[in-house]
Amino acid sequence: MDQCWTAPPITDPAACAAAYPYFGAPRIAAGGPTTHDNVRCELAPLPDTAPTDGSYGSAPFALDQWERLKATFPDGVCDWSKPLPDRQPSIPWLTFKAGPGGQPLSDPPVSVSVP
């Protein structure tokens, strides 16, 4: 059974959530994927002035905060509306016997009756 490791242990999910609230991850709040297998993203430059349309959250930025944000991310921030550049479809049923990159497996063995 799931439980929170408190003294005494909590097994009620609502009580566990109250004891250990989850506030989310910044990347997910920014629109990023919930998976943790992304290595890099396409960057979008920050506007010269802080947007007022709520596109960077509901709280307005002070001028010094916006300048600090631009200085922290001079090349831009992740544009999660674009596909991840390192993403590629998986190739099922690989063997890595020949090293990285994998090789397709041979045909499956044929089943035979045993007397």
PDB file of N, CA and C in Angstrom:
ATOM      1  N   MET A   1       0.846  -1.169   0.000  1.00  0.00           N
ATOM      2  CA  MET A   1       0.000   0.000   0.000  1.00  0.00           C
ATOM      3  C   MET A   1       0.890   1.231   0.000  1.00  0.00           C
ATOM      4  N   ASP A   2       0.436   2.292  -0.641  1.00  0.00           N
ATOM      5  CA  ASP A   2       1.172   3.550  -0.628  1.00  0.00           C
ATOM      6  C   ASP A   2       1.018   4.203   0.733  1.00  0.00           C
ATOM      7  N   GLN A   3       2.064   4.884   1.150  1.00  0.00           N
ATOM      8  CA  GLN A   3       1.998   5.609   2.411  1.00  0.00           C
ATOM      9  C   GLN A   3       3.043   6.709   2.436  1.00  0.00           C
ATOM     10  N   CYS A   4       2.800   7.693   3.306  1.00  0.00           N
ATOM     11  CA  CYS A   4       3.796   8.735   3.552  1.00  0.00           C
ATOM     12  C   CYS A   4       4.652   8.280   4.723  1.00  0.00           C
ATOM     13  N   TRP A   5       5.924   8.514   4.629  1.00  0.00           N
ATOM     14  CA  TRP A   5       6.822   8.091   5.695  1.00  0.00           C
ATOM     15  C   TRP A   5       6.890   9.161   6.766  1.00  0.00           C
ATOM     16  N   THR A   6       5.894   9.141   7.608  1.00  0.00           N
ATOM     17  CA  THR A   6       5.826  10.040   8.757  1.00  0.00           C
ATOM     18  C   THR A   6       5.736   9.167   9.998  1.00  0.00           C
ATOM     19  N   ALA A   7       5.747   9.776  11.147  1.00  0.00           N
ATOM     20  CA  ALA A   7       5.575   9.016  12.385  1.00  0.00           C
ATOM     21  C   ALA A   7       4.262   9.451  13.023  1.00  0.00           C
ATOM     22  N   PRO A   8       3.241   8.653  13.016  1.00  0.00           N
ATOM     23  CA  PRO A   8       3.098   7.329  12.400  1.00  0.00           C
ATOM     24  C   PRO A   8       2.883   7.452  10.892  1.00  0.00           C
ATOM     25  N   PRO A   9       3.099   6.368  10.139  1.00  0.00           N
ATOM     26  CA  PRO A   9       2.892   6.417   8.684  1.00  0.00           C
ATOM     27  C   PRO A   9       1.453   6.783   8.334  1.00  0.00           C
ATOM     28  N   ILE A  10       1.288   7.558   7.262  1.00  0.00           N
ATOM     29  CA  ILE A  10      -0.031   7.973   6.788  1.00  0.00           C
ATOM     30  C   ILE A  10      -0.364   7.145   5.558  1.00  0.00           C
ATOM     31  N   THR A  11      -1.521   6.489   5.582  1.00  0.00           N
ATOM     32  CA  THR A  11      -1.928   5.688   4.423  1.00  0.00           C
ATOM     33  C   THR A  11      -3.068   6.341   3.647  1.00  0.00           C
ATOM     34  N   ASP A  12      -3.689   7.380   4.176  1.00  0.00           N
ATOM     35  CA  ASP A  12      -4.764   8.080   3.484  1.00  0.00           C
ATOM     36  C   ASP A  12      -4.157   9.058   2.473  1.00  0.00           C
ATOM     37  N   PRO A  13      -4.466   8.929   1.159  1.00  0.00           N
ATOM     38  CA  PRO A  13      -3.862   9.809   0.145  1.00  0.00           C
ATOM     39  C   PRO A  13      -4.124  11.292   0.388  1.00  0.00           C
ATOM     40  N   ALA A  14      -5.313  11.648   0.843  1.00  0.00           N
ATOM     41  CA  ALA A  14      -5.628  13.063   1.081  1.00  0.00           C
ATOM     42  C   ALA A  14      -4.801  13.611   2.238  1.00  0.00           C
ATOM     43  N   ALA A  15      -4.644  12.817   3.288  1.00  0.00           N
ATOM     44  CA  ALA A  15      -3.827  13.257   4.426  1.00  0.00           C
ATOM     45  C   ALA A  15      -2.356  13.362   4.016  1.00  0.00           C
ATOM     46  N   CYS A  16      -1.918  12.448   3.161  1.00  0.00           N
ATOM     47  CA  CYS A  16      -0.536  12.485   2.675  1.00  0.00           C
ATOM     48  C   CYS A  16      -0.308  13.745   1.828  1.00  0.00           C
ATOM     49  N   ALA A  17      -1.267  14.065   0.951  1.00  0.00           N
ATOM     50  CA  ALA A  17      -1.152  15.268   0.120  1.00  0.00           C
ATOM     51  C   ALA A  17      -1.164  16.525   0.980  1.00  0.00           C
ATOM     52  N   ALA A  18      -1.917  16.512   2.079  1.00  0.00           N
ATOM     53  CA  ALA A  18      -1.933  17.668   2.978  1.00  0.00           C
ATOM     54  C   ALA A  18      -0.606  17.795   3.724  1.00  0.00           C
ATOM     55  N   ALA A  19      -0.007  16.653   4.077  1.00  0.00           N
ATOM     56  CA  ALA A  19       1.279  16.676   4.789  1.00  0.00           C
ATOM     57  C   ALA A  19       2.429  17.055   3.861  1.00  0.00           C
ATOM     58  N   TYR A  20       2.358  16.605   2.615  1.00  0.00           N
ATOM     59  CA  TYR A  20       3.407  16.866   1.637  1.00  0.00           C
ATOM     60  C   TYR A  20       2.788  17.421   0.358  1.00  0.00           C
ATOM     61  N   PRO A  21       2.392  18.680   0.342  1.00  0.00           N
ATOM     62  CA  PRO A  21       1.748  19.224  -0.866  1.00  0.00           C
ATOM     63  C   PRO A  21       2.726  19.291  -2.035  1.00  0.00           C
ATOM     64  N   TYR A  22       2.187  19.047  -3.211  1.00  0.00           N
ATOM     65  CA  TYR A  22       2.980  19.116  -4.438  1.00  0.00           C
ATOM     66  C   TYR A  22       2.606  20.389  -5.176  1.00  0.00           C
ATOM     67  N   PHE A  23       3.580  21.227  -5.433  1.00  0.00           N
ATOM     68  CA  PHE A  23       3.312  22.511  -6.072  1.00  0.00           C
ATOM     69  C   PHE A  23       3.681  22.521  -7.545  1.00  0.00           C
ATOM     70  N   GLY A  24       4.098  21.387  -8.073  1.00  0.00           N
ATOM     71  CA  GLY A  24       4.429  21.314  -9.489  1.00  0.00           C
ATOM     72  C   GLY A  24       5.889  21.657  -9.749  1.00  0.00           C
ATOM     73  N   ALA A  25       6.290  21.420 -10.970  1.00  0.00           N
ATOM     74  CA  ALA A  25       7.658  21.693 -11.398  1.00  0.00           C
ATOM     75  C   ALA A  25       7.650  22.901 -12.328  1.00  0.00           C
ATOM     76  N   PRO A  26       8.650  23.769 -12.248  1.00  0.00           N
ATOM     77  CA  PRO A  26       8.680  24.958 -13.106  1.00  0.00           C
ATOM     78  C   PRO A  26       8.624  24.637 -14.587  1.00  0.00           C
ATOM     79  N   ARG A  27       9.306  23.587 -15.019  1.00  0.00           N
ATOM     80  CA  ARG A  27       9.310  23.232 -16.441  1.00  0.00           C
ATOM     81  C   ARG A  27       7.908  22.845 -16.896  1.00  0.00           C
ATOM     82  N   ILE A  28       7.191  22.075 -16.070  1.00  0.00           N
ATOM     83  CA  ILE A  28       5.840  21.667 -16.433  1.00  0.00           C
ATOM     84  C   ILE A  28       4.907  22.868 -16.415  1.00  0.00           C
ATOM     85  N   ALA A  29       5.077  23.754 -15.429  1.00  0.00           N
ATOM     86  CA  ALA A  29       4.244  24.966 -15.378  1.00  0.00           C
ATOM     87  C   ALA A  29       4.491  25.850 -16.593  1.00  0.00           C
ATOM     88  N   ALA A  30       5.696  25.783 -17.159  1.00  0.00           N
ATOM     89  CA  ALA A  30       6.023  26.585 -18.340  1.00  0.00           C
ATOM     90  C   ALA A  30       5.535  25.936 -19.626  1.00  0.00           C
ATOM     91  N   GLY A  31       4.905  24.762 -19.507  1.00  0.00           N
ATOM     92  CA  GLY A  31       4.365  24.100 -20.694  1.00  0.00           C
ATOM     93  C   GLY A  31       5.207  22.954 -21.193  1.00  0.00           C
ATOM     94  N   GLY A  32       6.266  22.610 -20.473  1.00  0.00           N
ATOM     95  CA  GLY A  32       7.135  21.524 -20.899  1.00  0.00           C
ATOM     96  C   GLY A  32       6.522  20.164 -20.662  1.00  0.00           C
ATOM     97  N   PRO A  33       7.163  19.118 -21.183  1.00  0.00           N
ATOM     98  CA  PRO A  33       6.619  17.774 -21.042  1.00  0.00           C
ATOM     99  C   PRO A  33       6.738  17.261 -19.610  1.00  0.00           C
ATOM    100  N   THR A  34       5.900  16.286 -19.278  1.00  0.00           N
ATOM    101  CA  THR A  34       5.960  15.692 -17.950  1.00  0.00           C
ATOM    102  C   THR A  34       7.039  14.626 -17.863  1.00  0.00           C
ATOM    103  N   THR A  35       7.603  14.229 -18.991  1.00  0.00           N
ATOM    104  CA  THR A  35       8.677  13.244 -18.988  1.00  0.00           C
ATOM    105  C   THR A  35       9.998  13.932 -18.654  1.00  0.00           C
ATOM    106  N   HIS A  36      10.944  13.130 -18.216  1.00  0.00           N
ATOM    107  CA  HIS A  36      12.248  13.683 -17.854  1.00  0.00           C
ATOM    108  C   HIS A  36      13.342  13.219 -18.805  1.00  0.00           C
ATOM    109  N   ASP A  37      12.971  12.908 -20.029  1.00  0.00           N
ATOM    110  CA  ASP A  37      13.951  12.419 -20.987  1.00  0.00           C
ATOM    111  C   ASP A  37      14.294  13.453 -22.058  1.00  0.00           C
ATOM    112  N   ASN A  38      13.932  14.693 -21.823  1.00  0.00           N
ATOM    113  CA  ASN A  38      14.285  15.733 -22.792  1.00  0.00           C
ATOM    114  C   ASN A  38      15.646  16.319 -22.426  1.00  0.00           C
ATOM    115  N   VAL A  39      16.520  16.413 -23.417  1.00  0.00           N
ATOM    116  CA  VAL A  39      17.876  16.888 -23.193  1.00  0.00           C
ATOM    117  C   VAL A  39      17.991  18.379 -23.488  1.00  0.00           C
ATOM    118  N   ARG A  40      17.359  18.809 -24.556  1.00  0.00           N
ATOM    119  CA  ARG A  40      17.397  20.234 -24.894  1.00  0.00           C
ATOM    120  C   ARG A  40      16.121  20.600 -25.630  1.00  0.00           C
ATOM    121  N   CYS A  41      15.931  21.897 -25.826  1.00  0.00           N
ATOM    122  CA  CYS A  41      14.711  22.391 -26.458  1.00  0.00           C
ATOM    123  C   CYS A  41      15.069  23.502 -27.431  1.00  0.00           C
ATOM    124  N   GLU A  42      14.110  23.847 -28.269  1.00  0.00           N
ATOM    125  CA  GLU A  42      14.271  25.004 -29.147  1.00  0.00           C
ATOM    126  C   GLU A  42      14.097  26.259 -28.292  1.00  0.00           C
ATOM    127  N   LEU A  43      14.970  27.233 -28.492  1.00  0.00           N
ATOM    128  CA  LEU A  43      14.897  28.463 -27.694  1.00  0.00           C
ATOM    129  C   LEU A  43      14.129  29.552 -28.426  1.00  0.00           C
ATOM    130  N   ALA A  44      13.434  30.352 -27.643  1.00  0.00           N
ATOM    131  CA  ALA A  44      12.734  31.527 -28.160  1.00  0.00           C
ATOM    132  C   ALA A  44      13.273  32.731 -27.386  1.00  0.00           C
ATOM    133  N   PRO A  45      13.634  33.814 -28.071  1.00  0.00           N
ATOM    134  CA  PRO A  45      14.162  34.975 -27.348  1.00  0.00           C
ATOM    135  C   PRO A  45      13.098  35.613 -26.477  1.00  0.00           C
ATOM    136  N   LEU A  46      13.520  36.171 -25.369  1.00  0.00           N
ATOM    137  CA  LEU A  46      12.596  36.927 -24.514  1.00  0.00           C
ATOM    138  C   LEU A  46      12.328  38.278 -25.152  1.00  0.00           C
ATOM    139  N   PRO A  47      11.120  38.786 -25.035  1.00  0.00           N
ATOM    140  CA  PRO A  47      10.837  40.121 -25.560  1.00  0.00           C
ATOM    141  C   PRO A  47      11.685  41.185 -24.848  1.00  0.00           C
ATOM    142  N   ASP A  48      11.873  42.325 -25.502  1.00  0.00           N
ATOM    143  CA  ASP A  48      12.657  43.394 -24.883  1.00  0.00           C
ATOM    144  C   ASP A  48      11.998  43.932 -23.622  1.00  0.00           C
ATOM    145  N   THR A  49      10.679  43.980 -23.624  1.00  0.00           N
ATOM    146  CA  THR A  49       9.965  44.465 -22.448  1.00  0.00           C
ATOM    147  C   THR A  49       9.075  43.354 -21.912  1.00  0.00           C
ATOM    148  N   ALA A  50       8.786  43.403 -20.627  1.00  0.00           N
ATOM    149  CA  ALA A  50       7.960  42.384 -19.992  1.00  0.00           C
ATOM    150  C   ALA A  50       6.572  42.390 -20.613  1.00  0.00           C
ATOM    151  N   PRO A  51       6.067  41.230 -21.027  1.00  0.00           N
ATOM    152  CA  PRO A  51       4.732  41.180 -21.621  1.00  0.00           C
ATOM    153  C   PRO A  51       3.659  41.452 -20.578  1.00  0.00           C
ATOM    154  N   THR A  52       2.572  42.022 -21.014  1.00  0.00           N
ATOM    155  CA  THR A  52       1.459  42.317 -20.113  1.00  0.00           C
ATOM    156  C   THR A  52       0.258  41.431 -20.395  1.00  0.00           C
ATOM    157  N   ASP A  53       0.424  40.447 -21.309  1.00  0.00           N
ATOM    158  CA  ASP A  53      -0.703  39.595 -21.686  1.00  0.00           C
ATOM    159  C   ASP A  53      -0.794  38.320 -20.860  1.00  0.00           C
ATOM    160  N   GLY A  54       0.025  38.200 -19.815  1.00  0.00           N
ATOM    161  CA  GLY A  54      -0.016  37.013 -18.968  1.00  0.00           C
ATOM    162  C   GLY A  54       0.731  35.826 -19.537  1.00  0.00           C
ATOM    163  N   SER A  55       1.483  36.009 -20.621  1.00  0.00           N
ATOM    164  CA  SER A  55       2.170  34.878 -21.242  1.00  0.00           C
ATOM    165  C   SER A  55       3.330  34.351 -20.392  1.00  0.00           C
ATOM    166  N   TYR A  56       3.770  35.088 -19.410  1.00  0.00           N
ATOM    167  CA  TYR A  56       4.813  34.611 -18.504  1.00  0.00           C
ATOM    168  C   TYR A  56       4.266  34.523 -17.086  1.00  0.00           C
ATOM    169  N   GLY A  57       3.053  34.047 -16.938  1.00  0.00           N
ATOM    170  CA  GLY A  57       2.428  33.908 -15.633  1.00  0.00           C
ATOM    171  C   GLY A  57       1.528  35.093 -15.342  1.00  0.00           C
ATOM    172  N   SER A  58       0.785  34.982 -14.270  1.00  0.00           N
ATOM    173  CA  SER A  58      -0.194  36.020 -13.954  1.00  0.00           C
ATOM    174  C   SER A  58       0.422  37.188 -13.186  1.00  0.00           C
ATOM    175  N   ALA A  59       1.566  36.980 -12.539  1.00  0.00           N
ATOM    176  CA  ALA A  59       2.176  38.068 -11.772  1.00  0.00           C
ATOM    177  C   ALA A  59       2.975  38.973 -12.696  1.00  0.00           C
ATOM    178  N   PRO A  60       2.799  40.277 -12.590  1.00  0.00           N
ATOM    179  CA  PRO A  60       3.581  41.182 -13.444  1.00  0.00           C
ATOM    180  C   PRO A  60       5.039  41.237 -12.987  1.00  0.00           C
ATOM    181  N   PHE A  61       5.915  41.470 -13.935  1.00  0.00           N
ATOM    182  CA  PHE A  61       7.335  41.613 -13.635  1.00  0.00           C
ATOM    183  C   PHE A  61       7.657  43.086 -13.405  1.00  0.00           C
ATOM    184  N   ALA A  62       8.486  43.355 -12.402  1.00  0.00           N
ATOM    185  CA  ALA A  62       9.046  44.694 -12.250  1.00  0.00           C
ATOM    186  C   ALA A  62      10.161  44.823 -13.290  1.00  0.00           C
ATOM    187  N   LEU A  63      10.505  46.038 -13.664  1.00  0.00           N
ATOM    188  CA  LEU A  63      11.519  46.258 -14.688  1.00  0.00           C
ATOM    189  C   LEU A  63      12.838  45.578 -14.334  1.00  0.00           C
ATOM    190  N   ASP A  64      13.292  45.693 -13.081  1.00  0.00           N
ATOM    191  CA  ASP A  64      14.559  45.069 -12.696  1.00  0.00           C
ATOM    192  C   ASP A  64      14.468  43.544 -12.733  1.00  0.00           C
ATOM    193  N   GLN A  65      13.301  42.985 -12.418  1.00  0.00           N
ATOM    194  CA  GLN A  65      13.128  41.533 -12.496  1.00  0.00           C
ATOM    195  C   GLN A  65      13.227  41.060 -13.948  1.00  0.00           C
ATOM    196  N   TRP A  66      12.598  41.802 -14.855  1.00  0.00           N
ATOM    197  CA  TRP A  66      12.634  41.419 -16.268  1.00  0.00           C
ATOM    198  C   TRP A  66      14.052  41.520 -16.821  1.00  0.00           C
ATOM    199  N   GLU A  67      14.777  42.545 -16.445  1.00  0.00           N
ATOM    200  CA  GLU A  67      16.163  42.695 -16.908  1.00  0.00           C
ATOM    201  C   GLU A  67      17.034  41.571 -16.355  1.00  0.00           C
ATOM    202  N   ARG A  68      16.798  41.167 -15.121  1.00  0.00           N
ATOM    203  CA  ARG A  68      17.551  40.063 -14.528  1.00  0.00           C
ATOM    204  C   ARG A  68      17.223  38.750 -15.241  1.00  0.00           C
ATOM    205  N   LEU A  69      15.948  38.555 -15.600  1.00  0.00           N
ATOM    206  CA  LEU A  69      15.558  37.358 -16.343  1.00  0.00           C
ATOM    207  C   LEU A  69      16.248  37.322 -17.701  1.00  0.00           C
ATOM    208  N   LYS A  70      16.259  38.427 -18.410  1.00  0.00           N
ATOM    209  CA  LYS A  70      16.924  38.479 -19.719  1.00  0.00           C
ATOM    210  C   LYS A  70      18.424  38.243 -19.592  1.00  0.00           C
ATOM    211  N   ALA A  71      19.036  38.745 -18.513  1.00  0.00           N
ATOM    212  CA  ALA A  71      20.475  38.525 -18.303  1.00  0.00           C
ATOM    213  C   ALA A  71      20.769  37.063 -17.967  1.00  0.00           C
ATOM    214  N   THR A  72      19.836  36.414 -17.276  1.00  0.00           N
ATOM    215  CA  THR A  72      20.023  35.013 -16.905  1.00  0.00           C
ATOM    216  C   THR A  72      19.890  34.092 -18.107  1.00  0.00           C
ATOM    217  N   PHE A  73      18.991  34.445 -19.035  1.00  0.00           N
ATOM    218  CA  PHE A  73      18.745  33.628 -20.226  1.00  0.00           C
ATOM    219  C   PHE A  73      18.993  34.454 -21.485  1.00  0.00           C
ATOM    220  N   PRO A  74      20.258  34.811 -21.766  1.00  0.00           N
ATOM    221  CA  PRO A  74      20.537  35.688 -22.909  1.00  0.00           C
ATOM    222  C   PRO A  74      20.193  35.047 -24.259  1.00  0.00           C
ATOM    223  N   ASP A  75      20.198  33.720 -24.345  1.00  0.00           N
ATOM    224  CA  ASP A  75      19.886  33.043 -25.604  1.00  0.00           C
ATOM    225  C   ASP A  75      18.409  32.718 -25.745  1.00  0.00           C
ATOM    226  N   GLY A  76      17.613  33.023 -24.719  1.00  0.00           N
ATOM    227  CA  GLY A  76      16.184  32.756 -24.765  1.00  0.00           C
ATOM    228  C   GLY A  76      15.788  31.663 -23.795  1.00  0.00           C
ATOM    229  N   VAL A  77      14.517  31.322 -23.824  1.00  0.00           N
ATOM    230  CA  VAL A  77      13.955  30.283 -22.970  1.00  0.00           C
ATOM    231  C   VAL A  77      13.322  29.217 -23.854  1.00  0.00           C
ATOM    232  N   CYS A  78      13.047  28.055 -23.282  1.00  0.00           N
ATOM    233  CA  CYS A  78      12.468  26.955 -24.053  1.00  0.00           C
ATOM    234  C   CYS A  78      11.121  27.343 -24.628  1.00  0.00           C
ATOM    235  N   ASP A  79      10.948  27.049 -25.902  1.00  0.00           N
ATOM    236  CA  ASP A  79       9.663  27.233 -26.564  1.00  0.00           C
ATOM    237  C   ASP A  79       9.020  25.849 -26.633  1.00  0.00           C
ATOM    238  N   TRP A  80       8.183  25.547 -25.641  1.00  0.00           N
ATOM    239  CA  TRP A  80       7.612  24.206 -25.528  1.00  0.00           C
ATOM    240  C   TRP A  80       6.560  23.932 -26.585  1.00  0.00           C
ATOM    241  N   SER A  81       6.198  24.921 -27.398  1.00  0.00           N
ATOM    242  CA  SER A  81       5.242  24.659 -28.475  1.00  0.00           C
ATOM    243  C   SER A  81       5.930  23.996 -29.670  1.00  0.00           C
ATOM    244  N   LYS A  82       7.252  23.980 -29.680  1.00  0.00           N
ATOM    245  CA  LYS A  82       8.013  23.360 -30.771  1.00  0.00           C
ATOM    246  C   LYS A  82       8.467  21.967 -30.345  1.00  0.00           C
ATOM    247  N   PRO A  83       8.618  21.054 -31.300  1.00  0.00           N
ATOM    248  CA  PRO A  83       9.071  19.708 -30.943  1.00  0.00           C
ATOM    249  C   PRO A  83      10.502  19.738 -30.409  1.00  0.00           C
ATOM    250  N   LEU A  84      10.808  18.786 -29.552  1.00  0.00           N
ATOM    251  CA  LEU A  84      12.152  18.693 -28.989  1.00  0.00           C
ATOM    252  C   LEU A  84      13.113  18.235 -30.080  1.00  0.00           C
ATOM    253  N   PRO A  85      14.256  18.913 -30.248  1.00  0.00           N
ATOM    254  CA  PRO A  85      15.147  18.597 -31.371  1.00  0.00           C
ATOM    255  C   PRO A  85      15.834  17.247 -31.273  1.00  0.00           C
ATOM    256  N   ASP A  86      16.018  16.704 -30.075  1.00  0.00           N
ATOM    257  CA  ASP A  86      16.707  15.421 -29.941  1.00  0.00           C
ATOM    258  C   ASP A  86      15.762  14.231 -29.952  1.00  0.00           C
ATOM    259  N   ARG A  87      14.482  14.498 -30.099  1.00  0.00           N
ATOM    260  CA  ARG A  87      13.483  13.427 -30.020  1.00  0.00           C
ATOM    261  C   ARG A  87      13.470  12.652 -31.321  1.00  0.00           C
ATOM    262  N   GLN A  88      13.458  11.329 -31.206  1.00  0.00           N
ATOM    263  CA  GLN A  88      13.326  10.480 -32.375  1.00  0.00           C
ATOM    264  C   GLN A  88      12.454   9.292 -31.997  1.00  0.00           C
ATOM    265  N   PRO A  89      11.747   8.730 -32.937  1.00  0.00           N
ATOM    266  CA  PRO A  89      10.893   7.594 -32.594  1.00  0.00           C
ATOM    267  C   PRO A  89      11.729   6.391 -32.186  1.00  0.00           C
ATOM    268  N   SER A  90      11.191   5.617 -31.273  1.00  0.00           N
ATOM    269  CA  SER A  90      11.917   4.420 -30.847  1.00  0.00           C
ATOM    270  C   SER A  90      11.821   3.355 -31.941  1.00  0.00           C
ATOM    271  N   ILE A  91      12.820   2.503 -31.973  1.00  0.00           N
ATOM    272  CA  ILE A  91      12.834   1.380 -32.901  1.00  0.00           C
ATOM    273  C   ILE A  91      12.664   0.138 -32.034  1.00  0.00           C
ATOM    274  N   PRO A  92      11.508  -0.499 -32.103  1.00  0.00           N
ATOM    275  CA  PRO A  92      11.268  -1.612 -31.181  1.00  0.00           C
ATOM    276  C   PRO A  92      12.084  -2.849 -31.501  1.00  0.00           C
ATOM    277  N   TRP A  93      12.272  -3.652 -30.486  1.00  0.00           N
ATOM    278  CA  TRP A  93      12.902  -4.951 -30.578  1.00  0.00           C
ATOM    279  C   TRP A  93      14.322  -4.890 -31.120  1.00  0.00           C
ATOM    280  N   LEU A  94      15.174  -4.143 -30.409  1.00  0.00           N
ATOM    281  CA  LEU A  94      16.575  -4.046 -30.803  1.00  0.00           C
ATOM    282  C   LEU A  94      17.445  -4.908 -29.901  1.00  0.00           C
ATOM    283  N   THR A  95      18.549  -5.340 -30.465  1.00  0.00           N
ATOM    284  CA  THR A  95      19.600  -5.935 -29.658  1.00  0.00           C
ATOM    285  C   THR A  95      20.778  -4.972 -29.717  1.00  0.00           C
ATOM    286  N   PHE A  96      21.489  -4.824 -28.617  1.00  0.00           N
ATOM    287  CA  PHE A  96      22.647  -3.930 -28.597  1.00  0.00           C
ATOM    288  C   PHE A  96      23.946  -4.743 -28.598  1.00  0.00           C
ATOM    289  N   LYS A  97      23.862  -5.962 -29.106  1.00  0.00           N
ATOM    290  CA  LYS A  97      25.019  -6.850 -29.170  1.00  0.00           C
ATOM    291  C   LYS A  97      26.157  -6.236 -29.982  1.00  0.00           C
ATOM    292  N   ALA A  98      25.829  -5.533 -31.054  1.00  0.00           N
ATOM    293  CA  ALA A  98      26.855  -4.937 -31.920  1.00  0.00           C
ATOM    294  C   ALA A  98      27.261  -3.545 -31.450  1.00  0.00           C
ATOM    295  N   GLY A  99      26.781  -3.096 -30.300  1.00  0.00           N
ATOM    296  CA  GLY A  99      27.180  -1.791 -29.772  1.00  0.00           C
ATOM    297  C   GLY A  99      26.065  -0.764 -29.850  1.00  0.00           C
ATOM    298  N   PRO A 100      26.379   0.483 -29.511  1.00  0.00           N
ATOM    299  CA  PRO A 100      25.362   1.544 -29.503  1.00  0.00           C
ATOM    300  C   PRO A 100      24.675   1.690 -30.861  1.00  0.00           C
ATOM    301  N   GLY A 101      23.435   2.061 -30.817  1.00  0.00           N
ATOM    302  CA  GLY A 101      22.662   2.205 -32.044  1.00  0.00           C
ATOM    303  C   GLY A 101      21.751   1.028 -32.276  1.00  0.00           C
ATOM    304  N   GLY A 102      22.175  -0.133 -31.840  1.00  0.00           N
ATOM    305  CA  GLY A 102      21.339  -1.318 -31.926  1.00  0.00           C
ATOM    306  C   GLY A 102      21.232  -1.905 -33.311  1.00  0.00           C
ATOM    307  N   GLN A 103      20.811  -3.132 -33.357  1.00  0.00           N
ATOM    308  CA  GLN A 103      20.580  -3.860 -34.601  1.00  0.00           C
ATOM    309  C   GLN A 103      19.207  -4.510 -34.480  1.00  0.00           C
ATOM    310  N   PRO A 104      18.404  -4.513 -35.551  1.00  0.00           N
ATOM    311  CA  PRO A 104      17.124  -5.212 -35.470  1.00  0.00           C
ATOM    312  C   PRO A 104      17.337  -6.693 -35.153  1.00  0.00           C
ATOM    313  N   LEU A 105      16.463  -7.246 -34.339  1.00  0.00           N
ATOM    314  CA  LEU A 105      16.549  -8.666 -34.020  1.00  0.00           C
ATOM    315  C   LEU A 105      16.127  -9.489 -35.221  1.00  0.00           C
ATOM    316  N   SER A 106      16.593 -10.708 -35.270  1.00  0.00           N
ATOM    317  CA  SER A 106      16.197 -11.604 -36.362  1.00  0.00           C
ATOM    318  C   SER A 106      14.750 -12.039 -36.135  1.00  0.00           C
ATOM    319  N   ASP A 107      14.222 -12.805 -37.091  1.00  0.00           N
ATOM    320  CA  ASP A 107      12.858 -13.301 -36.959  1.00  0.00           C
ATOM    321  C   ASP A 107      12.744 -14.149 -35.698  1.00  0.00           C
ATOM    322  N   PRO A 108      11.568 -14.155 -35.099  1.00  0.00           N
ATOM    323  CA  PRO A 108      11.415 -14.965 -33.886  1.00  0.00           C
ATOM    324  C   PRO A 108      11.520 -16.453 -34.195  1.00  0.00           C
ATOM    325  N   PRO A 109      11.904 -17.240 -33.236  1.00  0.00           N
ATOM    326  CA  PRO A 109      11.997 -18.698 -33.497  1.00  0.00           C
ATOM    327  C   PRO A 109      10.623 -19.282 -33.749  1.00  0.00           C
ATOM    328  N   VAL A 110      10.614 -20.350 -34.508  1.00  0.00           N
ATOM    329  CA  VAL A 110       9.370 -21.039 -34.830  1.00  0.00           C
ATOM    330  C   VAL A 110       9.108 -22.074 -33.752  1.00  0.00           C
ATOM    331  N   SER A 111       7.887 -22.099 -33.290  1.00  0.00           N
ATOM    332  CA  SER A 111       7.501 -23.045 -32.253  1.00  0.00           C
ATOM    333  C   SER A 111       7.297 -24.422 -32.861  1.00  0.00           C
ATOM    334  N   VAL A 112       7.807 -25.428 -32.214  1.00  0.00           N
ATOM    335  CA  VAL A 112       7.618 -26.805 -32.688  1.00  0.00           C
ATOM    336  C   VAL A 112       7.107 -27.648 -31.521  1.00  0.00           C
ATOM    337  N   SER A 113       6.341 -28.679 -31.858  1.00  0.00           N
ATOM    338  CA  SER A 113       5.835 -29.592 -30.836  1.00  0.00           C
ATOM    339  C   SER A 113       6.942 -30.523 -30.380  1.00  0.00           C
ATOM    340  N   VAL A 114       6.974 -30.822 -29.108  1.00  0.00           N
ATOM    341  CA  VAL A 114       7.942 -31.770 -28.562  1.00  0.00           C
ATOM    342  C   VAL A 114       7.174 -32.995 -28.159  1.00  0.00           C
ATOM    343  N   PRO A 115       7.580 -34.162 -28.690  1.00  0.00           N
ATOM    344  CA  PRO A 115       6.813 -35.386 -28.365  1.00  0.00           C
ATOM    345  C   PRO A 115       6.959 -35.794 -26.916  1.00  0.00           C
TER     346      PRO A 115
END
